[in-house]
């Protein structure tokens, strides 16, 4: 509760409330932040976050060796982006986190 008043959770709420594309829902022991109907952040505490497990998945059929290599490269790039997002969140760079998460949502697997 104190974090909602003066801490990082207050900062998160301020960032989300400024962004008309984001929706925040309070659940029993976490916050859900949605973008275009997708869950881009499930926040348990100031430093604990989860993603939708399909957020960084590529759902493509591999039809050739060239396609496999392209998919492998793209999967590695998405893993790096995921790690960057976790870093931004844990460092308290929430505006950057949500900006980048929305960009991945548009250009990534969705």
PDB file of N, CA and C in Angstrom:
ATOM      1  N   UNK A   1       0.825  -1.191   0.000  1.00  0.00           N
ATOM      2  CA  UNK A   1       0.000   0.000   0.000  1.00  0.00           C
ATOM      3  C   UNK A   1       0.871   1.257   0.000  1.00  0.00           C
ATOM      4  N   UNK A   2       1.950   1.210   0.774  1.00  0.00           N
ATOM      5  CA  UNK A   2       2.847   2.367   0.826  1.00  0.00           C
ATOM      6  C   UNK A   2       3.467   2.644  -0.549  1.00  0.00           C
ATOM      7  N   UNK A   3       3.773   1.583  -1.277  1.00  0.00           N
ATOM      8  CA  UNK A   3       4.350   1.757  -2.607  1.00  0.00           C
ATOM      9  C   UNK A   3       3.373   2.424  -3.577  1.00  0.00           C
ATOM     10  N   UNK A   4       2.079   2.182  -3.387  1.00  0.00           N
ATOM     11  CA  UNK A   4       1.072   2.861  -4.215  1.00  0.00           C
ATOM     12  C   UNK A   4       1.018   4.358  -3.914  1.00  0.00           C
ATOM     13  N   UNK A   5       1.356   4.717  -2.683  1.00  0.00           N
ATOM     14  CA  UNK A   5       1.297   6.118  -2.291  1.00  0.00           C
ATOM     15  C   UNK A   5       2.555   6.893  -2.659  1.00  0.00           C
ATOM     16  N   UNK A   6       3.731   6.283  -2.444  1.00  0.00           N
ATOM     17  CA  UNK A   6       4.974   7.040  -2.623  1.00  0.00           C
ATOM     18  C   UNK A   6       6.068   6.286  -3.369  1.00  0.00           C
ATOM     19  N   UNK A   7       5.871   5.033  -3.686  1.00  0.00           N
ATOM     20  CA  UNK A   7       6.948   4.217  -4.238  1.00  0.00           C
ATOM     21  C   UNK A   7       6.843   3.952  -5.730  1.00  0.00           C
ATOM     22  N   UNK A   8       7.462   2.869  -6.123  1.00  0.00           N
ATOM     23  CA  UNK A   8       7.524   2.504  -7.532  1.00  0.00           C
ATOM     24  C   UNK A   8       6.159   2.152  -8.125  1.00  0.00           C
ATOM     25  N   UNK A   9       5.298   1.556  -7.345  1.00  0.00           N
ATOM     26  CA  UNK A   9       3.965   1.241  -7.880  1.00  0.00           C
ATOM     27  C   UNK A   9       3.214   2.518  -8.239  1.00  0.00           C
ATOM     28  N   UNK A  10       3.438   3.580  -7.486  1.00  0.00           N
ATOM     29  CA  UNK A  10       2.854   4.875  -7.833  1.00  0.00           C
ATOM     30  C   UNK A  10       3.397   5.346  -9.181  1.00  0.00           C
ATOM     31  N   UNK A  11       4.705   5.184  -9.401  1.00  0.00           N
ATOM     32  CA  UNK A  11       5.322   5.568 -10.674  1.00  0.00           C
ATOM     33  C   UNK A  11       4.733   4.765 -11.828  1.00  0.00           C
ATOM     34  N   UNK A  12       4.544   3.463 -11.615  1.00  0.00           N
ATOM     35  CA  UNK A  12       3.958   2.611 -12.650  1.00  0.00           C
ATOM     36  C   UNK A  12       2.552   3.097 -12.992  1.00  0.00           C
ATOM     37  N   UNK A  13       1.755   3.353 -11.983  1.00  0.00           N
ATOM     38  CA  UNK A  13       0.390   3.835 -12.209  1.00  0.00           C
ATOM     39  C   UNK A  13       0.382   5.155 -12.977  1.00  0.00           C
ATOM     40  N   UNK A  14       1.298   6.049 -12.650  1.00  0.00           N
ATOM     41  CA  UNK A  14       1.377   7.332 -13.346  1.00  0.00           C
ATOM     42  C   UNK A  14       1.708   7.140 -14.824  1.00  0.00           C
ATOM     43  N   UNK A  15       2.657   6.257 -15.121  1.00  0.00           N
ATOM     44  CA  UNK A  15       3.033   5.988 -16.514  1.00  0.00           C
ATOM     45  C   UNK A  15       1.859   5.378 -17.270  1.00  0.00           C
ATOM     46  N   UNK A  16       1.215   4.388 -16.683  1.00  0.00           N
ATOM     47  CA  UNK A  16       0.092   3.719 -17.342  1.00  0.00           C
ATOM     48  C   UNK A  16      -1.073   4.684 -17.545  1.00  0.00           C
ATOM     49  N   UNK A  17      -1.368   5.488 -16.546  1.00  0.00           N
ATOM     50  CA  UNK A  17      -2.491   6.429 -16.648  1.00  0.00           C
ATOM     51  C   UNK A  17      -2.262   7.509 -17.703  1.00  0.00           C
ATOM     52  N   UNK A  18      -1.009   7.839 -18.005  1.00  0.00           N
ATOM     53  CA  UNK A  18      -0.704   8.836 -19.040  1.00  0.00           C
ATOM     54  C   UNK A  18      -0.842   8.272 -20.456  1.00  0.00           C
ATOM     55  N   UNK A  19      -0.836   6.950 -20.575  1.00  0.00           N
ATOM     56  CA  UNK A  19      -0.840   6.301 -21.889  1.00  0.00           C
ATOM     57  C   UNK A  19      -2.241   5.782 -22.195  1.00  0.00           C
ATOM     58  N   UNK A  20      -2.921   6.423 -23.143  1.00  0.00           N
ATOM     59  CA  UNK A  20      -4.301   6.059 -23.470  1.00  0.00           C
ATOM     60  C   UNK A  20      -4.427   4.653 -24.062  1.00  0.00           C
ATOM     61  N   UNK A  21      -3.324   4.070 -24.519  1.00  0.00           N
ATOM     62  CA  UNK A  21      -3.345   2.730 -25.099  1.00  0.00           C
ATOM     63  C   UNK A  21      -3.264   1.621 -24.057  1.00  0.00           C
ATOM     64  N   UNK A  22      -2.925   1.976 -22.817  1.00  0.00           N
ATOM     65  CA  UNK A  22      -2.760   0.978 -21.767  1.00  0.00           C
ATOM     66  C   UNK A  22      -3.955   0.970 -20.828  1.00  0.00           C
ATOM     67  N   UNK A  23      -4.236  -0.218 -20.299  1.00  0.00           N
ATOM     68  CA  UNK A  23      -5.313  -0.391 -19.337  1.00  0.00           C
ATOM     69  C   UNK A  23      -4.747  -1.174 -18.167  1.00  0.00           C
ATOM     70  N   UNK A  24      -4.988  -0.687 -16.959  1.00  0.00           N
ATOM     71  CA  UNK A  24      -4.495  -1.394 -15.769  1.00  0.00           C
ATOM     72  C   UNK A  24      -5.682  -1.911 -14.972  1.00  0.00           C
ATOM     73  N   UNK A  25      -5.555  -3.150 -14.520  1.00  0.00           N
ATOM     74  CA  UNK A  25      -6.596  -3.808 -13.731  1.00  0.00           C
ATOM     75  C   UNK A  25      -5.966  -4.327 -12.440  1.00  0.00           C
ATOM     76  N   UNK A  26      -6.579  -4.030 -11.324  1.00  0.00           N
ATOM     77  CA  UNK A  26      -6.096  -4.510 -10.038  1.00  0.00           C
ATOM     78  C   UNK A  26      -6.753  -5.852  -9.754  1.00  0.00           C
ATOM     79  N   UNK A  27      -5.944  -6.845  -9.478  1.00  0.00           N
ATOM     80  CA  UNK A  27      -6.408  -8.188  -9.125  1.00  0.00           C
ATOM     81  C   UNK A  27      -6.138  -8.419  -7.638  1.00  0.00           C
ATOM     82  N   UNK A  28      -6.369  -9.612  -7.161  1.00  0.00           N
ATOM     83  CA  UNK A  28      -6.243  -9.864  -5.717  1.00  0.00           C
ATOM     84  C   UNK A  28      -4.821  -9.642  -5.191  1.00  0.00           C
ATOM     85  N   UNK A  29      -3.795 -10.079  -5.905  1.00  0.00           N
ATOM     86  CA  UNK A  29      -2.429  -9.894  -5.414  1.00  0.00           C
ATOM     87  C   UNK A  29      -1.454  -9.439  -6.504  1.00  0.00           C
ATOM     88  N   UNK A  30      -1.978  -8.834  -7.563  1.00  0.00           N
ATOM     89  CA  UNK A  30      -1.120  -8.332  -8.628  1.00  0.00           C
ATOM     90  C   UNK A  30      -1.877  -7.314  -9.465  1.00  0.00           C
ATOM     91  N   UNK A  31      -1.140  -6.644 -10.343  1.00  0.00           N
ATOM     92  CA  UNK A  31      -1.721  -5.711 -11.308  1.00  0.00           C
ATOM     93  C   UNK A  31      -1.543  -6.296 -12.693  1.00  0.00           C
ATOM     94  N   UNK A  32      -2.536  -6.173 -13.539  1.00  0.00           N
ATOM     95  CA  UNK A  32      -2.419  -6.538 -14.948  1.00  0.00           C
ATOM     96  C   UNK A  32      -2.426  -5.266 -15.771  1.00  0.00           C
ATOM     97  N   UNK A  33      -1.482  -5.146 -16.695  1.00  0.00           N
ATOM     98  CA  UNK A  33      -1.470  -4.028 -17.630  1.00  0.00           C
ATOM     99  C   UNK A  33      -1.688  -4.617 -19.017  1.00  0.00           C
ATOM    100  N   UNK A  34      -2.712  -4.092 -19.703  1.00  0.00           N
ATOM    101  CA  UNK A  34      -3.102  -4.599 -21.013  1.00  0.00           C
ATOM    102  C   UNK A  34      -2.816  -3.575 -22.099  1.00  0.00           C
ATOM    103  N   UNK A  35      -2.454  -4.090 -23.259  1.00  0.00           N
ATOM    104  CA  UNK A  35      -2.286  -3.281 -24.466  1.00  0.00           C
ATOM    105  C   UNK A  35      -2.971  -4.034 -25.599  1.00  0.00           C
ATOM    106  N   UNK A  36      -3.942  -3.401 -26.234  1.00  0.00           N
ATOM    107  CA  UNK A  36      -4.710  -4.039 -27.312  1.00  0.00           C
ATOM    108  C   UNK A  36      -5.265  -5.392 -26.896  1.00  0.00           C
ATOM    109  N   UNK A  37      -5.714  -5.491 -25.666  1.00  0.00           N
ATOM    110  CA  UNK A  37      -6.309  -6.726 -25.174  1.00  0.00           C
ATOM    111  C   UNK A  37      -5.321  -7.766 -24.705  1.00  0.00           C
ATOM    112  N   UNK A  38      -4.038  -7.525 -24.918  1.00  0.00           N
ATOM    113  CA  UNK A  38      -3.014  -8.480 -24.492  1.00  0.00           C
ATOM    114  C   UNK A  38      -2.372  -8.054 -23.192  1.00  0.00           C
ATOM    115  N   UNK A  39      -2.011  -9.015 -22.396  1.00  0.00           N
ATOM    116  CA  UNK A  39      -1.396  -8.754 -21.098  1.00  0.00           C
ATOM    117  C   UNK A  39       0.100  -8.520 -21.285  1.00  0.00           C
ATOM    118  N   UNK A  40       0.538  -7.258 -21.221  1.00  0.00           N
ATOM    119  CA  UNK A  40       1.965  -6.977 -21.413  1.00  0.00           C
ATOM    120  C   UNK A  40       2.718  -6.856 -20.094  1.00  0.00           C
ATOM    121  N   UNK A  41       2.004  -6.912 -18.972  1.00  0.00           N
ATOM    122  CA  UNK A  41       2.681  -6.895 -17.678  1.00  0.00           C
ATOM    123  C   UNK A  41       1.745  -7.426 -16.603  1.00  0.00           C
ATOM    124  N   UNK A  42       2.231  -8.392 -15.871  1.00  0.00           N
ATOM    125  CA  UNK A  42       1.546  -8.902 -14.692  1.00  0.00           C
ATOM    126  C   UNK A  42       2.498  -8.593 -13.539  1.00  0.00           C
ATOM    127  N   UNK A  43       2.147  -7.565 -12.750  1.00  0.00           N
ATOM    128  CA  UNK A  43       3.061  -6.998 -11.768  1.00  0.00           C
ATOM    129  C   UNK A  43       2.683  -7.484 -10.366  1.00  0.00           C
ATOM    130  N   UNK A  44       3.644  -8.144  -9.724  1.00  0.00           N
ATOM    131  CA  UNK A  44       3.426  -8.655  -8.374  1.00  0.00           C
ATOM    132  C   UNK A  44       4.000  -7.747  -7.300  1.00  0.00           C
ATOM    133  N   UNK A  45       5.040  -7.005  -7.647  1.00  0.00           N
ATOM    134  CA  UNK A  45       5.668  -6.081  -6.704  1.00  0.00           C
ATOM    135  C   UNK A  45       6.465  -5.061  -7.504  1.00  0.00           C
ATOM    136  N   UNK A  46       7.186  -4.217  -6.810  1.00  0.00           N
ATOM    137  CA  UNK A  46       7.974  -3.185  -7.473  1.00  0.00           C
ATOM    138  C   UNK A  46       9.018  -3.756  -8.425  1.00  0.00           C
ATOM    139  N   UNK A  47       9.475  -4.962  -8.156  1.00  0.00           N
ATOM    140  CA  UNK A  47      10.527  -5.553  -8.984  1.00  0.00           C
ATOM    141  C   UNK A  47      10.171  -6.928  -9.537  1.00  0.00           C
ATOM    142  N   UNK A  48       8.917  -7.341  -9.423  1.00  0.00           N
ATOM    143  CA  UNK A  48       8.511  -8.659  -9.894  1.00  0.00           C
ATOM    144  C   UNK A  48       7.443  -8.529 -10.978  1.00  0.00           C
ATOM    145  N   UNK A  49       7.754  -9.076 -12.157  1.00  0.00           N
ATOM    146  CA  UNK A  49       6.856  -8.954 -13.299  1.00  0.00           C
ATOM    147  C   UNK A  49       6.854 -10.264 -14.082  1.00  0.00           C
ATOM    148  N   UNK A  50       5.722 -10.554 -14.713  1.00  0.00           N
ATOM    149  CA  UNK A  50       5.603 -11.688 -15.636  1.00  0.00           C
ATOM    150  C   UNK A  50       4.993 -11.188 -16.930  1.00  0.00           C
ATOM    151  N   UNK A  51       5.273 -11.920 -18.012  1.00  0.00           N
ATOM    152  CA  UNK A  51       4.682 -11.654 -19.317  1.00  0.00           C
ATOM    153  C   UNK A  51       3.691 -12.742 -19.652  1.00  0.00           C
ATOM    154  N   UNK A  52       2.790 -12.435 -20.571  1.00  0.00           N
ATOM    155  CA  UNK A  52       1.979 -13.470 -21.197  1.00  0.00           C
ATOM    156  C   UNK A  52       2.964 -14.471 -21.802  1.00  0.00           C
ATOM    157  N   UNK A  53       2.782 -15.772 -21.521  1.00  0.00           N
ATOM    158  CA  UNK A  53       3.773 -16.751 -21.978  1.00  0.00           C
ATOM    159  C   UNK A  53       3.885 -16.831 -23.496  1.00  0.00           C
ATOM    160  N   UNK A  54       2.897 -16.339 -24.228  1.00  0.00           N
ATOM    161  CA  UNK A  54       2.959 -16.369 -25.684  1.00  0.00           C
ATOM    162  C   UNK A  54       3.475 -15.055 -26.277  1.00  0.00           C
ATOM    163  N   UNK A  55       3.799 -14.100 -25.417  1.00  0.00           N
ATOM    164  CA  UNK A  55       4.166 -12.766 -25.873  1.00  0.00           C
ATOM    165  C   UNK A  55       5.381 -12.771 -26.792  1.00  0.00           C
ATOM    166  N   UNK A  56       6.354 -13.609 -26.482  1.00  0.00           N
ATOM    167  CA  UNK A  56       7.587 -13.632 -27.267  1.00  0.00           C
ATOM    168  C   UNK A  56       7.724 -14.880 -28.130  1.00  0.00           C
ATOM    169  N   UNK A  57       6.639 -15.592 -28.342  1.00  0.00           N
ATOM    170  CA  UNK A  57       6.689 -16.801 -29.175  1.00  0.00           C
ATOM    171  C   UNK A  57       6.423 -16.464 -30.631  1.00  0.00           C
ATOM    172  N   UNK A  58       7.086 -17.174 -31.479  1.00  0.00           N
ATOM    173  CA  UNK A  58       6.828 -17.057 -32.917  1.00  0.00           C
ATOM    174  C   UNK A  58       6.090 -18.309 -33.350  1.00  0.00           C
ATOM    175  N   UNK A  59       4.915 -18.144 -33.882  1.00  0.00           N
ATOM    176  CA  UNK A  59       4.102 -19.277 -34.287  1.00  0.00           C
ATOM    177  C   UNK A  59       4.181 -19.409 -35.806  1.00  0.00           C
ATOM    178  N   UNK A  60       5.304 -19.956 -36.263  1.00  0.00           N
ATOM    179  CA  UNK A  60       5.505 -20.110 -37.701  1.00  0.00           C
ATOM    180  C   UNK A  60       5.968 -21.516 -38.003  1.00  0.00           C
ATOM    181  N   UNK A  61       5.552 -22.015 -39.131  1.00  0.00           N
ATOM    182  CA  UNK A  61       6.001 -23.327 -39.574  1.00  0.00           C
ATOM    183  C   UNK A  61       7.329 -23.162 -40.302  1.00  0.00           C
ATOM    184  N   UNK A  62       8.225 -24.090 -40.041  1.00  0.00           N
ATOM    185  CA  UNK A  62       9.533 -24.062 -40.683  1.00  0.00           C
ATOM    186  C   UNK A  62       9.459 -24.921 -41.935  1.00  0.00           C
ATOM    187  N   UNK A  63       9.580 -24.274 -43.095  1.00  0.00           N
ATOM    188  CA  UNK A  63       9.408 -25.020 -44.336  1.00  0.00           C
ATOM    189  C   UNK A  63      10.725 -25.301 -45.046  1.00  0.00           C
ATOM    190  N   UNK A  64      11.777 -24.587 -44.689  1.00  0.00           N
ATOM    191  CA  UNK A  64      13.059 -24.833 -45.330  1.00  0.00           C
ATOM    192  C   UNK A  64      14.174 -24.499 -44.359  1.00  0.00           C
ATOM    193  N   UNK A  65      15.382 -24.899 -44.715  1.00  0.00           N
ATOM    194  CA  UNK A  65      16.539 -24.602 -43.869  1.00  0.00           C
ATOM    195  C   UNK A  65      16.722 -23.097 -43.731  1.00  0.00           C
ATOM    196  N   UNK A  66      16.481 -22.367 -44.786  1.00  0.00           N
ATOM    197  CA  UNK A  66      16.599 -20.905 -44.758  1.00  0.00           C
ATOM    198  C   UNK A  66      15.572 -20.306 -43.791  1.00  0.00           C
ATOM    199  N   UNK A  67      14.349 -20.826 -43.830  1.00  0.00           N
ATOM    200  CA  UNK A  67      13.314 -20.364 -42.909  1.00  0.00           C
ATOM    201  C   UNK A  67      13.682 -20.677 -41.461  1.00  0.00           C
ATOM    202  N   UNK A  68      14.249 -21.861 -41.234  1.00  0.00           N
ATOM    203  CA  UNK A  68      14.663 -22.231 -39.883  1.00  0.00           C
ATOM    204  C   UNK A  68      15.695 -21.256 -39.343  1.00  0.00           C
ATOM    205  N   UNK A  69      16.660 -20.899 -40.178  1.00  0.00           N
ATOM    206  CA  UNK A  69      17.702 -19.953 -39.759  1.00  0.00           C
ATOM    207  C   UNK A  69      17.109 -18.579 -39.459  1.00  0.00           C
ATOM    208  N   UNK A  70      16.193 -18.130 -40.301  1.00  0.00           N
ATOM    209  CA  UNK A  70      15.548 -16.833 -40.083  1.00  0.00           C
ATOM    210  C   UNK A  70      14.735 -16.851 -38.792  1.00  0.00           C
ATOM    211  N   UNK A  71      13.998 -17.937 -38.556  1.00  0.00           N
ATOM    212  CA  UNK A  71      13.213 -18.058 -37.338  1.00  0.00           C
ATOM    213  C   UNK A  71      14.105 -18.109 -36.097  1.00  0.00           C
ATOM    214  N   UNK A  72      15.228 -18.822 -36.212  1.00  0.00           N
ATOM    215  CA  UNK A  72      16.164 -18.919 -35.091  1.00  0.00           C
ATOM    216  C   UNK A  72      16.720 -17.531 -34.753  1.00  0.00           C
ATOM    217  N   UNK A  73      17.090 -16.784 -35.768  1.00  0.00           N
ATOM    218  CA  UNK A  73      17.631 -15.434 -35.559  1.00  0.00           C
ATOM    219  C   UNK A  73      16.574 -14.530 -34.918  1.00  0.00           C
ATOM    220  N   UNK A  74      15.345 -14.592 -35.421  1.00  0.00           N
ATOM    221  CA  UNK A  74      14.279 -13.766 -34.886  1.00  0.00           C
ATOM    222  C   UNK A  74      13.956 -14.153 -33.440  1.00  0.00           C
ATOM    223  N   UNK A  75      13.986 -15.450 -33.126  1.00  0.00           N
ATOM    224  CA  UNK A  75      13.744 -15.908 -31.767  1.00  0.00           C
ATOM    225  C   UNK A  75      14.817 -15.382 -30.819  1.00  0.00           C
ATOM    226  N   UNK A  76      16.071 -15.405 -31.253  1.00  0.00           N
ATOM    227  CA  UNK A  76      17.159 -14.876 -30.434  1.00  0.00           C
ATOM    228  C   UNK A  76      16.994 -13.376 -30.205  1.00  0.00           C
ATOM    229  N   UNK A  77      16.566 -12.650 -31.235  1.00  0.00           N
ATOM    230  CA  UNK A  77      16.335 -11.216 -31.090  1.00  0.00           C
ATOM    231  C   UNK A  77      15.220 -10.941 -30.086  1.00  0.00           C
ATOM    232  N   UNK A  78      14.151 -11.743 -30.121  1.00  0.00           N
ATOM    233  CA  UNK A  78      13.055 -11.573 -29.173  1.00  0.00           C
ATOM    234  C   UNK A  78      13.492 -11.909 -27.747  1.00  0.00           C
ATOM    235  N   UNK A  79      14.356 -12.900 -27.575  1.00  0.00           N
ATOM    236  CA  UNK A  79      14.874 -13.212 -26.243  1.00  0.00           C
ATOM    237  C   UNK A  79      15.669 -12.029 -25.691  1.00  0.00           C
ATOM    238  N   UNK A  80      16.464 -11.410 -26.550  1.00  0.00           N
ATOM    239  CA  UNK A  80      17.240 -10.245 -26.132  1.00  0.00           C
ATOM    240  C   UNK A  80      16.309  -9.087 -25.745  1.00  0.00           C
ATOM    241  N   UNK A  81      15.255  -8.885 -26.531  1.00  0.00           N
ATOM    242  CA  UNK A  81      14.294  -7.828 -26.214  1.00  0.00           C
ATOM    243  C   UNK A  81      13.605  -8.112 -24.883  1.00  0.00           C
ATOM    244  N   UNK A  82      13.277  -9.366 -24.630  1.00  0.00           N
ATOM    245  CA  UNK A  82      12.651  -9.738 -23.362  1.00  0.00           C
ATOM    246  C   UNK A  82      13.583  -9.409 -22.202  1.00  0.00           C
ATOM    247  N   UNK A  83      14.849  -9.765 -22.332  1.00  0.00           N
ATOM    248  CA  UNK A  83      15.813  -9.472 -21.277  1.00  0.00           C
ATOM    249  C   UNK A  83      15.959  -7.967 -21.067  1.00  0.00           C
ATOM    250  N   UNK A  84      15.942  -7.200 -22.156  1.00  0.00           N
ATOM    251  CA  UNK A  84      16.012  -5.747 -22.040  1.00  0.00           C
ATOM    252  C   UNK A  84      14.796  -5.205 -21.300  1.00  0.00           C
ATOM    253  N   UNK A  85      13.612  -5.726 -21.630  1.00  0.00           N
ATOM    254  CA  UNK A  85      12.398  -5.272 -20.948  1.00  0.00           C
ATOM    255  C   UNK A  85      12.477  -5.552 -19.447  1.00  0.00           C
ATOM    256  N   UNK A  86      12.932  -6.730 -19.082  1.00  0.00           N
ATOM    257  CA  UNK A  86      13.074  -7.056 -17.666  1.00  0.00           C
ATOM    258  C   UNK A  86      14.054  -6.109 -16.984  1.00  0.00           C
ATOM    259  N   UNK A  87      15.128  -5.781 -17.664  1.00  0.00           N
ATOM    260  CA  UNK A  87      16.109  -4.838 -17.132  1.00  0.00           C
ATOM    261  C   UNK A  87      15.473  -3.464 -16.911  1.00  0.00           C
ATOM    262  N   UNK A  88      14.749  -2.966 -17.913  1.00  0.00           N
ATOM    263  CA  UNK A  88      14.098  -1.655 -17.780  1.00  0.00           C
ATOM    264  C   UNK A  88      13.153  -1.638 -16.586  1.00  0.00           C
ATOM    265  N   UNK A  89      12.359  -2.682 -16.458  1.00  0.00           N
ATOM    266  CA  UNK A  89      11.384  -2.738 -15.370  1.00  0.00           C
ATOM    267  C   UNK A  89      12.082  -2.733 -14.015  1.00  0.00           C
ATOM    268  N   UNK A  90      13.069  -3.605 -13.865  1.00  0.00           N
ATOM    269  CA  UNK A  90      13.742  -3.720 -12.571  1.00  0.00           C
ATOM    270  C   UNK A  90      14.502  -2.454 -12.199  1.00  0.00           C
ATOM    271  N   UNK A  91      14.936  -1.689 -13.189  1.00  0.00           N
ATOM    272  CA  UNK A  91      15.631  -0.422 -12.928  1.00  0.00           C
ATOM    273  C   UNK A  91      14.659   0.740 -12.728  1.00  0.00           C
ATOM    274  N   UNK A  92      13.372   0.498 -12.905  1.00  0.00           N
ATOM    275  CA  UNK A  92      12.380   1.546 -12.699  1.00  0.00           C
ATOM    276  C   UNK A  92      12.158   2.439 -13.907  1.00  0.00           C
ATOM    277  N   UNK A  93      12.621   2.017 -15.079  1.00  0.00           N
ATOM    278  CA  UNK A  93      12.410   2.781 -16.322  1.00  0.00           C
ATOM    279  C   UNK A  93      11.094   2.327 -16.951  1.00  0.00           C
ATOM    280  N   UNK A  94       9.995   2.654 -16.269  1.00  0.00           N
ATOM    281  CA  UNK A  94       8.684   2.120 -16.656  1.00  0.00           C
ATOM    282  C   UNK A  94       8.181   2.676 -17.982  1.00  0.00           C
ATOM    283  N   UNK A  95       8.407   3.943 -18.222  1.00  0.00           N
ATOM    284  CA  UNK A  95       7.956   4.517 -19.495  1.00  0.00           C
ATOM    285  C   UNK A  95       8.659   3.826 -20.660  1.00  0.00           C
ATOM    286  N   UNK A  96       9.953   3.600 -20.526  1.00  0.00           N
ATOM    287  CA  UNK A  96      10.708   2.890 -21.563  1.00  0.00           C
ATOM    288  C   UNK A  96      10.224   1.446 -21.676  1.00  0.00           C
ATOM    289  N   UNK A  97       9.961   0.811 -20.541  1.00  0.00           N
ATOM    290  CA  UNK A  97       9.458  -0.557 -20.558  1.00  0.00           C
ATOM    291  C   UNK A  97       8.183  -0.656 -21.403  1.00  0.00           C
ATOM    292  N   UNK A  98       7.182   0.185 -21.085  1.00  0.00           N
ATOM    293  CA  UNK A  98       5.901   0.072 -21.779  1.00  0.00           C
ATOM    294  C   UNK A  98       6.006   0.487 -23.244  1.00  0.00           C
ATOM    295  N   UNK A  99       6.821   1.474 -23.548  1.00  0.00           N
ATOM    296  CA  UNK A  99       7.024   1.878 -24.947  1.00  0.00           C
ATOM    297  C   UNK A  99       7.600   0.726 -25.755  1.00  0.00           C
ATOM    298  N   UNK A 100       8.622   0.092 -25.219  1.00  0.00           N
ATOM    299  CA  UNK A 100       9.263  -1.023 -25.918  1.00  0.00           C
ATOM    300  C   UNK A 100       8.352  -2.250 -25.978  1.00  0.00           C
ATOM    301  N   UNK A 101       7.628  -2.518 -24.900  1.00  0.00           N
ATOM    302  CA  UNK A 101       6.718  -3.673 -24.881  1.00  0.00           C
ATOM    303  C   UNK A 101       5.627  -3.511 -25.935  1.00  0.00           C
ATOM    304  N   UNK A 102       5.110  -2.306 -26.073  1.00  0.00           N
ATOM    305  CA  UNK A 102       4.083  -2.057 -27.099  1.00  0.00           C
ATOM    306  C   UNK A 102       4.670  -2.236 -28.494  1.00  0.00           C
ATOM    307  N   UNK A 103       5.893  -1.810 -28.694  1.00  0.00           N
ATOM    308  CA  UNK A 103       6.546  -1.943 -29.998  1.00  0.00           C
ATOM    309  C   UNK A 103       6.741  -3.425 -30.356  1.00  0.00           C
ATOM    310  N   UNK A 104       7.163  -4.216 -29.381  1.00  0.00           N
ATOM    311  CA  UNK A 104       7.333  -5.657 -29.625  1.00  0.00           C
ATOM    312  C   UNK A 104       6.001  -6.305 -29.924  1.00  0.00           C
ATOM    313  N   UNK A 105       4.955  -5.865 -29.210  1.00  0.00           N
ATOM    314  CA  UNK A 105       3.608  -6.409 -29.435  1.00  0.00           C
ATOM    315  C   UNK A 105       3.175  -6.181 -30.881  1.00  0.00           C
ATOM    316  N   UNK A 106       3.433  -4.992 -31.397  1.00  0.00           N
ATOM    317  CA  UNK A 106       3.028  -4.650 -32.763  1.00  0.00           C
ATOM    318  C   UNK A 106       3.881  -5.388 -33.787  1.00  0.00           C
ATOM    319  N   UNK A 107       5.194  -5.400 -33.583  1.00  0.00           N
ATOM    320  CA  UNK A 107       6.128  -5.909 -34.585  1.00  0.00           C
ATOM    321  C   UNK A 107       6.605  -7.330 -34.332  1.00  0.00           C
ATOM    322  N   UNK A 108       6.309  -7.875 -33.178  1.00  0.00           N
ATOM    323  CA  UNK A 108       6.808  -9.196 -32.835  1.00  0.00           C
ATOM    324  C   UNK A 108       5.851 -10.296 -33.243  1.00  0.00           C
ATOM    325  N   UNK A 109       5.521 -11.094 -32.268  1.00  0.00           N
ATOM    326  CA  UNK A 109       4.755 -12.303 -32.549  1.00  0.00           C
ATOM    327  C   UNK A 109       3.262 -12.051 -32.734  1.00  0.00           C
ATOM    328  N   UNK A 110       2.789 -10.879 -32.393  1.00  0.00           N
ATOM    329  CA  UNK A 110       1.337 -10.639 -32.489  1.00  0.00           C
ATOM    330  C   UNK A 110       0.960 -10.044 -33.795  1.00  0.00           C
TER     331      UNK A 110
END
